[in-house]
Amino acid sequence: MTVSTVELSAIAASCPVSFGRGQLGAQWSLSTAPGIVGLADPGVLRAVLDNPFANARKFTANMSEAIVEFYTETKGNEVICHVRDNGTRIICSSRSNGCTRRRSILATV
């Protein structure tokens, strides 16, 4: 593992390209906050980010207009990265009588 300064914004922007934007619906947009950098192994970071972007692809596959966002928020001394989308999810709860299909406006993955 080689740790170096990595531009997370660029890696995040390249993740959807690897599985083809055309597969994500008629209209698909990715919004990536610019200038997000950190210390990490670029290969490991790519593997970590591929999963939430693959989930975004899965949940927005049938959307006529899919929206995926990559952004950060700061809590105390931590910078937290988020991938969120406007796809449909199946929500199951032990307190309910089963599962519900719910479309979120933008759900954090």
C-alpha atoms as a PDB file:
ATOM      1  CA  MET A   1       0.000   0.000   0.000  1.00  0.00           C
ATOM      2  CA  THR A   2       1.329   3.401  -0.996  1.00  0.00           C
ATOM      3  CA  VAL A   3      -0.160   6.378   0.844  1.00  0.00           C
ATOM      4  CA  SER A   4      -0.016   9.726  -0.902  1.00  0.00           C
ATOM      5  CA  THR A   5      -2.041  12.907  -1.312  1.00  0.00           C
ATOM      6  CA  VAL A   6      -5.030  11.956  -3.438  1.00  0.00           C
ATOM      7  CA  GLU A   7      -7.698  14.110  -5.052  1.00  0.00           C
ATOM      8  CA  LEU A   8     -10.877  12.319  -4.019  1.00  0.00           C
ATOM      9  CA  SER A   9     -12.947  14.521  -6.328  1.00  0.00           C
ATOM     10  CA  ALA A  10     -11.135  13.175  -9.392  1.00  0.00           C
ATOM     11  CA  ILE A  11     -11.403   9.563  -8.240  1.00  0.00           C
ATOM     12  CA  ALA A  12     -15.106  10.001  -7.457  1.00  0.00           C
ATOM     13  CA  ALA A  13     -15.719  11.568 -10.859  1.00  0.00           C
ATOM     14  CA  SER A  14     -14.015   8.626 -12.580  1.00  0.00           C
ATOM     15  CA  CYS A  15     -15.959   5.896 -10.711  1.00  0.00           C
ATOM     16  CA  PRO A  16     -19.200   6.235 -12.722  1.00  0.00           C
ATOM     17  CA  VAL A  17     -17.190   6.174 -15.954  1.00  0.00           C
ATOM     18  CA  SER A  18     -15.958   2.664 -15.154  1.00  0.00           C
ATOM     19  CA  PHE A  19     -19.470   1.200 -15.258  1.00  0.00           C
ATOM     20  CA  GLY A  20     -20.780   3.379 -18.056  1.00  0.00           C
ATOM     21  CA  ARG A  21     -22.984   6.417 -17.613  1.00  0.00           C
ATOM     22  CA  GLY A  22     -25.263   5.197 -20.395  1.00  0.00           C
ATOM     23  CA  GLN A  23     -26.416   2.327 -18.187  1.00  0.00           C
ATOM     24  CA  LEU A  24     -27.802   4.677 -15.564  1.00  0.00           C
ATOM     25  CA  GLY A  25     -30.939   5.925 -17.244  1.00  0.00           C
ATOM     26  CA  ALA A  26     -31.987   8.375 -19.921  1.00  0.00           C
ATOM     27  CA  GLN A  27     -30.585  11.403 -18.112  1.00  0.00           C
ATOM     28  CA  TRP A  28     -27.915  11.032 -15.472  1.00  0.00           C
ATOM     29  CA  SER A  29     -25.873  13.682 -13.715  1.00  0.00           C
ATOM     30  CA  LEU A  30     -22.978  13.523 -11.280  1.00  0.00           C
ATOM     31  CA  SER A  31     -22.208  16.442  -9.029  1.00  0.00           C
ATOM     32  CA  THR A  32     -18.776  16.271  -7.411  1.00  0.00           C
ATOM     33  CA  ALA A  33     -17.509  18.854  -4.951  1.00  0.00           C
ATOM     34  CA  PRO A  34     -14.166  20.135  -6.293  1.00  0.00           C
ATOM     35  CA  GLY A  35     -10.888  20.041  -4.422  1.00  0.00           C
ATOM     36  CA  ILE A  36     -11.558  17.206  -1.963  1.00  0.00           C
ATOM     37  CA  VAL A  37      -8.110  15.837  -1.062  1.00  0.00           C
ATOM     38  CA  GLY A  38      -6.828  13.369   1.492  1.00  0.00           C
ATOM     39  CA  LEU A  39      -4.014  10.979   2.363  1.00  0.00           C
ATOM     40  CA  ALA A  40      -4.748   7.495   1.074  1.00  0.00           C
ATOM     41  CA  ASP A  41      -3.681   4.692  -1.230  1.00  0.00           C
ATOM     42  CA  PRO A  42      -5.297   5.623  -4.577  1.00  0.00           C
ATOM     43  CA  GLY A  43      -6.101   2.000  -5.464  1.00  0.00           C
ATOM     44  CA  VAL A  44      -7.700   1.244  -2.118  1.00  0.00           C
ATOM     45  CA  LEU A  45      -9.650   4.506  -2.205  1.00  0.00           C
ATOM     46  CA  ARG A  46     -10.944   3.684  -5.688  1.00  0.00           C
ATOM     47  CA  ALA A  47     -12.117   0.278  -4.447  1.00  0.00           C
ATOM     48  CA  VAL A  48     -13.857   1.914  -1.470  1.00  0.00           C
ATOM     49  CA  LEU A  49     -15.656   4.493  -3.643  1.00  0.00           C
ATOM     50  CA  ASP A  50     -16.698   1.986  -6.315  1.00  0.00           C
ATOM     51  CA  ASN A  51     -19.201   0.378  -3.924  1.00  0.00           C
ATOM     52  CA  PRO A  52     -21.376   3.419  -3.112  1.00  0.00           C
ATOM     53  CA  PHE A  53     -21.309   4.501  -6.768  1.00  0.00           C
ATOM     54  CA  ALA A  54     -22.355   0.981  -7.822  1.00  0.00           C
ATOM     55  CA  ASN A  55     -25.218   1.220  -5.299  1.00  0.00           C
ATOM     56  CA  ALA A  56     -26.208   4.587  -6.750  1.00  0.00           C
ATOM     57  CA  ARG A  57     -26.256   2.987 -10.207  1.00  0.00           C
ATOM     58  CA  LYS A  58     -28.437   0.143  -8.934  1.00  0.00           C
ATOM     59  CA  PHE A  59     -30.938   2.412  -7.165  1.00  0.00           C
ATOM     60  CA  THR A  60     -31.234   4.918 -10.035  1.00  0.00           C
ATOM     61  CA  ALA A  61     -31.233   2.406 -12.916  1.00  0.00           C
ATOM     62  CA  ASN A  62     -34.931   2.899 -13.677  1.00  0.00           C
ATOM     63  CA  MET A  63     -35.022   6.650 -13.114  1.00  0.00           C
ATOM     64  CA  SER A  64     -35.735   8.921 -16.060  1.00  0.00           C
ATOM     65  CA  GLU A  65     -33.498  11.549 -14.440  1.00  0.00           C
ATOM     66  CA  ALA A  66     -30.856  10.106 -12.112  1.00  0.00           C
ATOM     67  CA  ILE A  67     -28.910  12.424  -9.808  1.00  0.00           C
ATOM     68  CA  VAL A  68     -25.765  11.305  -7.960  1.00  0.00           C
ATOM     69  CA  GLU A  69     -23.749  13.604  -5.681  1.00  0.00           C
ATOM     70  CA  PHE A  70     -20.335  13.286  -4.021  1.00  0.00           C
ATOM     71  CA  TYR A  71     -19.716  15.846  -1.284  1.00  0.00           C
ATOM     72  CA  THR A  72     -18.198  16.331   2.160  1.00  0.00           C
ATOM     73  CA  GLU A  73     -19.248  17.698   5.508  1.00  0.00           C
ATOM     74  CA  THR A  74     -17.113  18.555   8.526  1.00  0.00           C
ATOM     75  CA  LYS A  75     -18.008  17.350  12.020  1.00  0.00           C
ATOM     76  CA  GLY A  76     -15.471  18.408  14.622  1.00  0.00           C
ATOM     77  CA  ASN A  77     -12.059  17.341  13.336  1.00  0.00           C
ATOM     78  CA  GLU A  78     -13.463  14.854  10.819  1.00  0.00           C
ATOM     79  CA  VAL A  79     -14.224  15.355   7.152  1.00  0.00           C
ATOM     80  CA  ILE A  80     -16.952  12.916   6.092  1.00  0.00           C
ATOM     81  CA  CYS A  81     -17.476  12.010   2.431  1.00  0.00           C
ATOM     82  CA  HIS A  82     -20.955  11.164   1.120  1.00  0.00           C
ATOM     83  CA  VAL A  83     -22.388   9.670  -2.042  1.00  0.00           C
ATOM     84  CA  ARG A  84     -26.111  10.228  -2.397  1.00  0.00           C
ATOM     85  CA  ASP A  85     -28.702   9.729  -5.108  1.00  0.00           C
ATOM     86  CA  ASN A  86     -32.390  10.119  -5.864  1.00  0.00           C
ATOM     87  CA  GLY A  87     -33.101   6.418  -6.451  1.00  0.00           C
ATOM     88  CA  THR A  88     -35.724   4.065  -5.069  1.00  0.00           C
ATOM     89  CA  ARG A  89     -34.983   1.841  -2.088  1.00  0.00           C
ATOM     90  CA  ILE A  90     -36.765  -0.948  -0.293  1.00  0.00           C
ATOM     91  CA  ILE A  91     -36.958  -0.047   3.412  1.00  0.00           C
ATOM     92  CA  CYS A  92     -37.592  -2.854   5.912  1.00  0.00           C
ATOM     93  CA  SER A  93     -38.207  -2.238   9.584  1.00  0.00           C
ATOM     94  CA  SER A  94     -38.684  -4.639  12.470  1.00  0.00           C
ATOM     95  CA  ARG A  95     -41.350  -2.242  13.776  1.00  0.00           C
ATOM     96  CA  SER A  96     -43.460  -2.394  10.615  1.00  0.00           C
ATOM     97  CA  ASN A  97     -45.436  -5.189   9.027  1.00  0.00           C
ATOM     98  CA  GLY A  98     -43.005  -5.649   6.162  1.00  0.00           C
ATOM     99  CA  CYS A  99     -41.104  -3.679   3.572  1.00  0.00           C
ATOM    100  CA  THR A 100     -41.990  -0.448   1.828  1.00  0.00           C
ATOM    101  CA  ARG A 101     -40.773   0.826  -1.520  1.00  0.00           C
ATOM    102  CA  ARG A 102     -39.721   4.449  -1.087  1.00  0.00           C
ATOM    103  CA  ARG A 103     -38.242   6.972  -3.483  1.00  0.00           C
ATOM    104  CA  SER A 104     -36.072   9.459  -1.725  1.00  0.00           C
ATOM    105  CA  ILE A 105     -35.331  12.903  -3.054  1.00  0.00           C
ATOM    106  CA  LEU A 106     -31.643  12.418  -2.326  1.00  0.00           C
ATOM    107  CA  ALA A 107     -30.610   9.555  -0.072  1.00  0.00           C
ATOM    108  CA  THR A 108     -27.132   9.274   1.392  1.00  0.00           C
ATOM    109  CA  VAL A 109     -25.454   6.002   0.526  1.00  0.00           C
END
